[in-house]
C-alpha cells in the first residue's frame, strides 16, 4: 500500500505526539505520579487534543476523510 508522503508524515507525527501525552498520563494514573489539579487538567486536555489529531490523521491514512 503506497501512502502519500504528507499523509504518512502527519500520521507518524500525530501518533508520536499522542503517545508522549499518553505516557505522561499513564505515569499519573497508573504509576502514582502526582500533579496538582491545574496541571492534571492541562495534561488531560493535551492528551485529548493529541488523540483527536491522531484520530484525524488515522482517518486520512485510511482514506476515510472527515466524520460528519
Protein backbone atom coordinates (compact mmCIF):
# COMPACT_ATOMS: atom_id res chain seq x y z
CA UNK A 1 0.00 0.00 0.00
CA UNK A 2 1.55 3.29 -1.10
CA UNK A 3 0.76 6.31 1.03
CA UNK A 4 1.23 9.97 0.20
CA UNK A 5 4.33 11.32 1.95
CA UNK A 6 2.45 14.19 3.63
CA UNK A 7 -0.25 11.83 4.93
CA UNK A 8 2.37 9.40 6.24
CA UNK A 9 4.31 12.20 7.92
CA UNK A 10 1.19 13.66 9.59
CA UNK A 11 0.18 10.21 10.83
CA UNK A 12 3.62 9.46 12.29
CA UNK A 13 3.92 12.89 13.91
CA UNK A 14 0.45 12.77 15.44
CA UNK A 15 0.96 9.21 16.68
CA UNK A 16 4.26 10.13 18.37
CA UNK A 17 2.74 13.24 19.95
CA UNK A 18 -0.23 11.28 21.27
CA UNK A 19 2.00 8.53 22.71
CA UNK A 20 4.08 11.16 24.52
CA UNK A 21 0.98 12.62 26.18
CA UNK A 22 -0.47 9.18 26.88
CA UNK A 23 2.74 8.06 28.58
CA UNK A 24 2.67 11.15 30.80
CA UNK A 25 -0.96 10.47 31.68
CA UNK A 26 -0.20 6.83 32.47
CA UNK A 27 2.54 7.93 34.86
CA UNK A 28 -0.11 9.81 36.84
CA UNK A 29 -2.94 7.30 36.57
CA UNK A 30 -1.05 4.00 36.72
CA UNK A 31 2.28 4.73 38.40
CA UNK A 32 1.16 7.18 41.05
CA UNK A 33 2.94 10.36 39.93
CA UNK A 34 1.26 13.36 41.50
CA UNK A 35 0.15 16.56 39.80
CA UNK A 36 -1.76 19.47 41.26
CA UNK A 37 -5.26 19.89 39.79
CA UNK A 38 -4.43 22.63 37.24
CA UNK A 39 -1.50 20.61 35.85
CA UNK A 40 -3.60 17.44 35.72
CA UNK A 41 -6.32 19.29 33.82
CA UNK A 42 -3.71 20.58 31.38
CA UNK A 43 -2.32 17.08 30.90
CA UNK A 44 -5.78 15.66 30.26
CA UNK A 45 -6.50 18.43 27.73
CA UNK A 46 -3.19 17.89 25.92
CA UNK A 47 -3.80 14.14 25.72
CA UNK A 48 -7.32 14.66 24.38
CA UNK A 49 -6.15 17.13 21.72
CA UNK A 50 -3.29 14.85 20.71
CA UNK A 51 -5.72 11.91 20.43
CA UNK A 52 -8.08 13.98 18.25
CA UNK A 53 -5.18 14.91 15.96
CA UNK A 54 -4.11 11.27 15.77
CA UNK A 55 -7.67 10.11 15.01
CA UNK A 56 -7.92 12.66 12.21
CA UNK A 57 -4.55 11.60 10.75
CA UNK A 58 -5.56 7.93 11.03
CA UNK A 59 -8.78 8.58 9.11
CA UNK A 60 -6.73 10.38 6.46
CA UNK A 61 -4.32 7.46 6.23
CA UNK A 62 -7.23 5.07 5.80
CA UNK A 63 -8.88 7.34 3.24
CA UNK A 64 -11.96 7.89 5.37
CA UNK A 65 -11.91 11.68 5.38
CA UNK A 66 -13.68 13.77 7.97
CA UNK A 67 -16.50 12.49 10.14
CA UNK A 68 -19.85 14.21 9.83
